[in-house]
Every structure is written in C-alpha cells, then in structure tokens.
Amino acid sequence: MIIDCHGHYTTAPAELQKFREAQISGLKDPVLTPSASSLHISDDQIRESLEKAQLKLQRERGTDLTIFSPRASAMAHHIGNESTSLEWSRVCNDLIKRVCGLYPENFVGVCQLPQSPGVAPVNSAAELERCVRDLGFIGCNLNPDPSGGHWNSPPLTDRHWYPLYEKMVELDVPAMVHVSSSCNPNFHATGAHYINADTTAFMQFLTADLFKDFPTLRMIIPHGGGAVPFHWGRYRGLAQDLKRPPLEELMKNNVFFDTCVYHQPGIDLLLKVMPLDNILFGSEMVGAVRGIDPRTGRYYDDTKRYIEGSALSAEDKKKIFEGNARRVFPRLAKA
C-alpha cells in the first residue's frame, strides 16, 4: 500500500468558501453571520469535487490512501476570534468526515485545530478529541503561528503548548506542523511562509528538550523539512556547538519529514541526508504547485515518481511509502 501523508481538501465545493466569506462579513455585521446549519453541500457535490481531482490523480499515479485534512491556507487562524475559529474548524472537519465516509478506502481524516492568536493551545484539545474519538481522525495539523506571519506565539517547545501535547499523547496522534495563510506581505504563503515555518520548527526542536518531556510525541515537518536538508551540516554543527544530542538521536522517534519536494535532485538530497526511518511519503496533492514541469512533462507534485526514480532499495521504498506512516499514525490500523 502507498500512503500519502499530506493531502488537503483544496477542491472543496464553492459553497464552503461562500460560507467562510459570509462568516468573515459577520465579523463586521453580526446580522450577516451564517449558522453552520446553513451550509448545504450534497454528497454528489463532494464526489464531483474529488472524482475530477484527488481521486483521478490517485488512480493515475498509483497511490492508495491519502491522509486528508482541510485546506491549510484556509485555516486562517488570524481571522476573527476564538469562536470564529472554532465554528470554521468544526465545519471543515465535519466535511472531511463526510469525504472519508464516502471514500473510506481512499481517505482518512486529519483535523484542523481551532487555534486563535493569544488563545491558549489547550483550548483546541476538545475539538481534537472530538475529531479523533467521534470522527475517527488519526492526527491534526498544528499551526505554530496563528497570527498569520507575525510570529507572536511562544516557540513550539515552550510550556505554553504542553497541555495540548498532553492531549495528543493521550490520544496517541501526531501533528503535522503546518502554518496557514500569511497576512504579512513580506512572506508569500506557500513560497516563503510555509518553508520558513518548516525550518523554524526544526530549529526550535533542536534547541530544547521537548521530547524528553514527551518521549512519545510525534511531529511531522512538511514540505521536505523546508531548508533543513540543504543545510544539514549547519544544523549538525549548531547542535554540536550547543551541546545538543546528535540530530539523528534527537529526531529518532519524534520528528519526521515528508517528501513534498518537487524535483528529483531535491528528493535525492532528502533521501541522502535524512534518516530513512524519519521520512514519510507525501505529495500535498492537490496543493501549492499544480502545474506540469516542462522539463519532464509530469506534474511537479507527482512525488511518487521521484521516490521510484531514486537509488533506494525496494525495502527502503516500502518503508517510505507505507511502513513509516503506520508507525507515526498508529490509529491507521483502527481507521
């Protein structure tokens, strides 16, 4: 089986975005605020949104199961307040549940958390628990910067986050460290903000003892780990200078990277410098880059072919395509 650890519902029916726009309008005029019950999306609309996109590409590319979450750039935790974020998260998560119900062989859910700037992360624990226990989800997306590009939250290793981590450990679910849209014009969302966040999260983990306090906590850093693989020598050297454990030891059971790197040389570098036990297959499909590479005639985000084109053994490829995901997402067996 080939398990894609990184998929978002980027093709959701237009009614979802219309609901969001009405919700945002309601922040200025409460009379315009929609109720969750006012959102009507039929099963046929869900099928149509997937059959021409994610499902079509799954079949064409030969992948089996996508670990699926709401559209990351639309989480936009900086918009509105805690109540706004909670309702938006519940609406999005319930829609993912419907997708998984319609296509249980193709999708399994990961939830959006109702984070909000200045609000304690533990306030997201109830929605995480609802999604895991009631909806059958197997993980969550954790935004290290709910401010949308201004970075005014404490580092992920700060005790500010610990109560939420306690719930993650209790439920035995990992988090993908995934920012949302950027409201800071200095940072293009997918080209800069995402990669900055991936790199920042890794450096935070390097400099603190989070995993001594939470030895079973598992964090996935997406997009190939941002700049980390390219600067692996820098991070090894920093760890050495700071008297930290060797990076392979620090990452071993806690920090994982996906393969959302959109060219063969990048994947080859990732596979060469990262411990293979810490790499999960992911495509971000359908995601940040949707076009076809004119040099190859293939979609940039068809990352499966990069793994297949690598020099890895068949055993190591299977580890990345399936085995590692089953270790990181133990609830897969129950989904």
Protein backbone atom coordinates (compact mmCIF):
# COMPACT_ATOMS: atom_id res chain seq x y z
CA MET A 1 0.00 0.00 0.00
CA ILE A 2 1.13 3.54 -0.76
CA ILE A 3 0.06 6.02 1.93
CA ASP A 4 0.21 9.73 1.16
CA CYS A 5 0.59 11.51 4.50
CA HIS A 6 -0.10 15.02 3.18
CA GLY A 7 -3.32 15.84 1.36
CA HIS A 8 -5.68 18.81 1.73
CA TYR A 9 -9.25 19.29 0.55
CA THR A 10 -8.27 22.12 -1.78
CA THR A 11 -11.06 21.27 -4.21
CA ALA A 12 -14.00 21.55 -1.80
CA PRO A 13 -17.28 22.75 -3.34
CA ALA A 14 -17.63 26.52 -3.71
CA GLU A 15 -20.33 26.59 -1.05
CA LEU A 16 -17.67 26.12 1.62
CA GLN A 17 -15.84 29.30 0.58
CA LYS A 18 -19.14 31.19 0.37
CA PHE A 19 -19.86 30.18 3.95
CA ARG A 20 -16.43 31.41 5.00
CA GLU A 21 -16.93 34.74 3.24
CA ALA A 22 -20.27 35.17 4.99
CA GLN A 23 -18.65 34.30 8.30
CA ILE A 24 -15.97 36.96 7.74
CA SER A 25 -18.65 39.51 6.75
CA GLY A 26 -20.40 38.71 10.01
CA LEU A 27 -17.38 39.93 11.95
CA LYS A 28 -18.32 43.46 10.89
CA ASP A 29 -22.08 42.99 10.87
CA PRO A 30 -23.32 40.16 13.13
CA VAL A 31 -26.60 40.09 11.22
CA LEU A 32 -24.70 38.55 8.31
CA THR A 33 -23.20 35.73 10.38
CA PRO A 34 -24.24 32.35 8.92
CA SER A 35 -25.10 29.33 11.01
CA ALA A 36 -23.32 26.06 10.42
CA SER A 37 -26.68 24.54 9.51
CA SER A 38 -26.99 26.99 6.62
CA LEU A 39 -24.15 25.28 4.75
CA HIS A 40 -25.57 22.79 2.27
CA ILE A 41 -23.20 20.56 0.31
CA SER A 42 -24.58 17.37 -1.20
CA ASP A 43 -22.81 14.03 -1.41
CA ASP A 44 -22.85 14.37 -5.19
CA GLN A 45 -21.02 17.71 -4.94
CA ILE A 46 -18.37 16.10 -2.78
CA ARG A 47 -18.00 13.24 -5.24
CA GLU A 48 -17.69 15.62 -8.17
CA SER A 49 -15.05 17.69 -6.36
CA LEU A 50 -12.91 14.61 -5.77
CA GLU A 51 -13.51 12.43 -8.82
CA LYS A 52 -12.01 15.04 -11.13
CA ALA A 53 -9.09 15.84 -8.86
CA GLN A 54 -7.70 13.83 -5.92
CA LEU A 55 -9.30 10.53 -6.86
CA LYS A 56 -8.38 10.90 -10.51
CA LEU A 57 -4.77 11.60 -9.57
CA GLN A 58 -4.66 8.77 -7.04
CA ARG A 59 -5.63 6.34 -9.80
CA GLU A 60 -3.29 7.82 -12.38
CA ARG A 61 -0.30 7.90 -10.03
CA GLY A 62 -0.91 4.59 -8.29
CA THR A 63 -1.38 5.76 -4.70
CA ASP A 64 -3.85 4.13 -2.35
CA LEU A 65 -4.71 6.12 0.77
CA THR A 66 -4.43 9.85 1.46
CA ILE A 67 -4.27 11.24 4.98
CA PHE A 68 -6.63 14.13 4.34
CA SER A 69 -7.22 17.44 6.09
CA PRO A 70 -8.94 20.79 5.43
CA ARG A 71 -7.18 23.24 3.13
CA ALA A 72 -4.23 24.57 5.14
CA SER A 73 -4.14 28.05 3.63
CA ALA A 74 -7.82 28.48 4.51
CA MET A 75 -7.40 27.76 8.23
CA ALA A 76 -6.51 31.47 8.61
CA HIS A 77 -6.46 31.41 12.39
CA HIS A 78 -5.70 35.13 12.46
CA ILE A 79 -9.20 35.99 11.21
CA GLY A 80 -11.84 36.73 13.82
CA ASN A 81 -11.65 35.35 17.33
CA GLU A 82 -11.71 32.02 19.10
CA SER A 83 -15.41 31.49 18.39
CA THR A 84 -14.88 32.22 14.70
CA SER A 85 -12.09 29.70 14.50
CA LEU A 86 -13.99 27.02 16.41
CA GLU A 87 -17.03 27.16 14.15
CA TRP A 88 -14.90 27.28 10.99
CA SER A 89 -12.80 24.34 12.18
CA ARG A 90 -15.83 22.23 13.04
CA VAL A 91 -17.44 22.93 9.67
CA CYS A 92 -14.23 21.98 7.82
CA ASN A 93 -13.59 18.89 9.93
CA ASP A 94 -17.15 17.65 9.52
CA LEU A 95 -16.76 17.99 5.75
CA ILE A 96 -13.57 15.89 5.87
CA LYS A 97 -15.51 13.26 7.80
CA ARG A 98 -18.07 13.15 5.01
CA VAL A 99 -15.29 12.68 2.44
CA CYS A 100 -13.89 9.78 4.45
CA GLY A 101 -17.36 8.29 4.83
CA LEU A 102 -17.95 8.37 1.08
CA TYR A 103 -14.48 7.03 0.22
CA PRO A 104 -13.20 5.06 3.24
CA GLU A 105 -10.67 3.16 1.14
CA ASN A 106 -9.14 6.36 -0.23
CA PHE A 107 -9.12 8.90 2.61
CA VAL A 108 -8.61 9.05 6.36
CA GLY A 109 -9.02 12.28 8.29
CA VAL A 110 -6.66 14.70 9.99
CA CYS A 111 -8.22 17.69 11.70
CA GLN A 112 -7.87 21.44 11.65
CA LEU A 113 -7.49 22.87 15.15
CA PRO A 114 -9.47 25.95 16.25
CA GLN A 115 -6.41 27.98 17.15
CA SER A 116 -6.56 31.74 17.57
CA PRO A 117 -3.88 34.37 18.36
CA GLY A 118 -3.42 34.88 22.08
CA VAL A 119 -5.60 31.89 22.98
CA ALA A 120 -4.10 29.00 24.95
CA PRO A 121 -3.47 25.98 22.69
CA VAL A 122 -5.20 23.73 25.22
CA ASN A 123 -8.47 25.31 24.10
CA SER A 124 -8.09 23.29 20.89
CA ALA A 125 -7.96 19.99 22.79
CA ALA A 126 -11.73 19.45 22.84
CA GLU A 127 -12.02 19.67 19.04
CA LEU A 128 -9.01 17.37 18.65
CA GLU A 129 -10.65 14.83 20.93
CA ARG A 130 -13.99 15.11 19.10
CA CYS A 131 -12.31 14.51 15.77
CA VAL A 132 -10.29 11.52 17.00
CA ARG A 133 -12.87 9.81 19.18
CA ASP A 134 -16.08 10.67 17.32
CA LEU A 135 -14.98 11.20 13.72
CA GLY A 136 -12.22 8.59 13.56
CA PHE A 137 -9.42 11.00 12.63
CA ILE A 138 -5.82 9.96 13.14
CA GLY A 139 -3.94 13.26 13.65
CA CYS A 140 -4.05 17.03 13.48
CA ASN A 141 -2.48 19.99 11.76
CA LEU A 142 -0.78 22.27 14.28
CA ASN A 143 -0.17 25.90 13.32
CA PRO A 144 2.97 27.26 15.06
CA ASP A 145 1.98 30.80 14.03
CA PRO A 146 -1.75 31.52 14.45
CA SER A 147 -1.01 35.21 13.83
CA GLY A 148 -0.58 34.56 10.10
CA GLY A 149 3.00 35.65 9.61
CA HIS A 150 3.78 37.86 12.61
CA TRP A 151 5.07 35.06 14.85
CA ASN A 152 3.90 36.33 18.22
CA SER A 153 3.28 32.92 19.80
CA PRO A 154 5.88 31.21 22.00
CA PRO A 155 8.09 28.56 20.34
CA LEU A 156 6.61 25.09 19.97
CA THR A 157 8.92 23.89 22.72
CA ASP A 158 7.50 26.37 25.26
CA ARG A 159 5.28 25.09 28.07
CA HIS A 160 2.55 27.27 26.54
CA TRP A 161 1.88 24.29 24.22
CA TYR A 162 2.28 21.48 26.75
CA PRO A 163 -1.40 20.95 27.69
CA LEU A 164 -2.27 20.36 24.04
CA TYR A 165 0.65 17.96 23.69
CA GLU A 166 -0.67 16.06 26.70
CA LYS A 167 -3.92 15.51 24.85
CA MET A 168 -2.07 14.42 21.70
CA VAL A 169 -0.09 11.88 23.73
CA GLU A 170 -3.24 10.65 25.45
CA LEU A 171 -4.95 10.13 22.08
CA ASP A 172 -1.73 8.77 20.51
CA VAL A 173 -1.92 11.05 17.47
CA PRO A 174 0.80 13.04 15.71
CA ALA A 175 0.70 16.62 14.47
CA MET A 176 1.81 17.99 11.14
CA VAL A 177 3.40 21.37 11.88
CA HIS A 178 1.63 23.40 9.21
CA VAL A 179 1.13 27.15 9.03
CA SER A 180 -1.77 28.74 7.22
CA SER A 181 -2.12 31.83 5.05
CA SER A 182 0.15 34.82 5.57
CA CYS A 183 -1.24 38.29 6.21
CA ASN A 184 2.31 39.67 6.29
CA PRO A 185 3.19 40.95 2.79
CA ASN A 186 6.85 40.08 3.36
CA PHE A 187 6.03 36.37 3.23
CA HIS A 188 4.39 34.73 0.25
CA ALA A 189 2.25 32.00 1.81
CA THR A 190 3.38 28.85 0.02
CA GLY A 191 6.74 30.05 -1.33
CA ALA A 192 8.12 31.65 1.83
CA HIS A 193 5.84 31.39 4.88
CA TYR A 194 5.45 27.61 4.64
CA ILE A 195 9.16 26.94 4.13
CA ASN A 196 10.13 29.45 6.84
CA ALA A 197 7.83 27.70 9.30
CA ASP A 198 9.17 24.24 8.49
CA THR A 199 12.74 25.42 9.04
CA THR A 200 11.83 27.36 12.18
CA ALA A 201 10.04 24.41 13.77
CA PHE A 202 13.04 22.16 13.28
CA MET A 203 15.39 24.68 14.88
CA GLN A 204 13.02 25.02 17.84
CA PHE A 205 13.06 21.26 18.33
CA LEU A 206 16.86 21.22 18.06
CA THR A 207 17.39 23.74 20.84
CA ALA A 208 15.04 22.37 23.53
CA ASP A 209 14.21 19.23 25.47
CA LEU A 210 10.58 18.87 24.39
CA PHE A 211 10.93 15.19 23.60
CA LYS A 212 12.46 14.41 26.97
CA ASP A 213 9.22 15.72 28.47
CA PHE A 214 7.10 13.98 25.79
CA PRO A 215 9.05 10.93 24.55
CA THR A 216 6.10 9.61 22.51
CA LEU A 217 5.11 12.94 20.92
CA ARG A 218 5.41 12.82 17.13
CA MET A 219 5.76 15.87 14.86
CA ILE A 220 5.79 15.84 11.06
CA ILE A 221 7.53 18.75 9.37
CA PRO A 222 6.10 19.05 5.86
CA HIS A 223 7.47 20.23 2.52
CA GLY A 224 10.60 18.13 2.89
CA GLY A 225 11.59 19.96 6.06
CA GLY A 226 11.95 23.36 4.43
CA ALA A 227 15.60 24.40 4.23
CA VAL A 228 16.80 21.80 6.71
CA PRO A 229 18.05 19.04 4.38
CA PHE A 230 20.01 21.51 2.26
CA HIS A 231 21.67 22.95 5.40
CA TRP A 232 22.05 19.68 7.30
CA GLY A 233 25.71 20.40 8.02
CA ARG A 234 24.76 23.75 9.56
CA TYR A 235 22.24 22.11 11.88
CA ARG A 236 24.59 19.31 12.84
CA GLY A 237 27.22 21.91 13.64
CA LEU A 238 24.79 24.06 15.63
CA ALA A 239 23.70 21.03 17.63
CA GLN A 240 27.31 20.22 18.35
CA ASP A 241 28.14 23.80 19.37
CA LEU A 242 25.08 23.97 21.61
CA LYS A 243 25.97 20.64 23.27
CA ARG A 244 22.76 19.12 21.97
CA PRO A 245 22.33 15.44 21.07
CA PRO A 246 23.30 14.33 17.55
CA LEU A 247 20.44 15.15 15.18
CA GLU A 248 19.71 11.52 14.32
CA GLU A 249 19.26 10.81 18.04
CA LEU A 250 17.15 13.92 18.58
CA MET A 251 14.81 13.08 15.67
CA LYS A 252 14.67 9.34 16.10
CA ASN A 253 11.13 8.70 17.33
CA ASN A 254 9.74 12.20 17.32
CA VAL A 255 10.47 14.33 14.23
CA PHE A 256 9.59 13.29 10.69
CA PHE A 257 9.76 14.94 7.26
CA ASP A 258 7.53 14.34 4.25
CA THR A 259 8.53 14.11 0.59
CA CYS A 260 6.71 17.21 -0.71
CA VAL A 261 9.77 18.26 -2.69
CA TYR A 262 9.03 18.86 -6.33
CA HIS A 263 12.09 17.76 -8.26
CA GLN A 264 14.35 14.71 -8.38
CA PRO A 265 17.55 16.38 -7.11
CA GLY A 266 15.68 17.68 -4.05
CA ILE A 267 14.28 14.25 -3.23
CA ASP A 268 17.67 12.65 -3.77
CA LEU A 269 19.21 15.09 -1.29
CA LEU A 270 16.44 14.46 1.25
CA LEU A 271 16.93 10.71 1.00
CA LYS A 272 20.71 11.03 1.22
CA VAL A 273 20.96 13.19 4.33
CA MET A 274 17.87 12.26 6.38
CA PRO A 275 17.46 9.02 8.29
CA LEU A 276 15.10 6.95 6.14
CA ASP A 277 13.10 5.95 9.22
CA ASN A 278 12.11 9.61 9.56
CA ILE A 279 10.73 10.18 6.05
CA LEU A 280 7.07 9.76 5.10
CA PHE A 281 5.74 9.78 1.57
CA GLY A 282 3.63 12.87 0.90
CA SER A 283 2.55 14.77 -2.19
CA GLU A 284 0.47 17.74 -0.92
CA MET A 285 -1.85 16.81 -3.76
CA VAL A 286 -3.72 18.86 -4.87
CA GLY A 287 -1.65 21.65 -3.38
CA ALA A 288 0.70 24.57 -3.71
CA VAL A 289 2.12 23.65 -7.12
CA ARG A 290 -0.36 22.20 -9.58
CA GLY A 291 1.34 22.65 -12.94
CA ILE A 292 3.33 20.38 -15.21
CA ASP A 293 7.11 20.62 -15.31
CA PRO A 294 8.03 21.42 -18.95
CA ARG A 295 11.36 19.64 -18.49
CA THR A 296 9.73 16.31 -17.69
CA GLY A 297 6.15 16.58 -18.91
CA ARG A 298 4.97 15.39 -15.48
CA TYR A 299 3.20 17.14 -12.65
CA TYR A 300 5.56 18.73 -10.15
CA ASP A 301 3.62 17.23 -7.23
CA ASP A 302 3.77 13.67 -8.54
CA THR A 303 6.29 12.88 -5.83
CA LYS A 304 5.80 9.12 -6.06
CA ARG A 305 7.82 9.03 -9.26
CA TYR A 306 10.74 10.78 -7.53
CA ILE A 307 10.87 8.06 -4.86
CA GLU A 308 10.61 5.40 -7.55
CA GLY A 309 13.39 7.13 -9.50
CA SER A 310 15.74 7.16 -6.53
CA ALA A 311 18.51 4.68 -5.83
CA LEU A 312 16.76 3.26 -2.77
CA SER A 313 16.23 -0.46 -2.39
CA ALA A 314 12.73 -1.88 -2.73
CA GLU A 315 12.69 -2.43 1.04
CA ASP A 316 13.56 1.19 1.77
CA LYS A 317 10.99 2.46 -0.70
CA LYS A 318 8.32 0.39 1.03
CA LYS A 319 9.36 1.91 4.34
CA ILE A 320 8.81 5.42 2.99
CA PHE A 321 5.63 4.56 1.08
CA GLU A 322 3.92 2.74 3.93
CA GLY A 323 5.89 1.46 6.90
CA ASN A 324 6.88 4.78 8.43
CA ALA A 325 3.34 6.17 8.14
CA ARG A 326 1.99 3.22 10.08
CA ARG A 327 4.46 3.91 12.89
CA VAL A 328 3.75 7.63 13.03
CA PHE A 329 -0.04 7.23 12.68
CA PRO A 330 -0.83 4.17 14.83
CA ARG A 331 -4.55 4.90 14.58
CA LEU A 332 -4.38 4.00 10.89
CA ALA A 333 -4.99 0.42 11.91
CA LYS A 334 -8.26 1.49 13.57
CA ALA A 335 -9.47 3.83 10.81
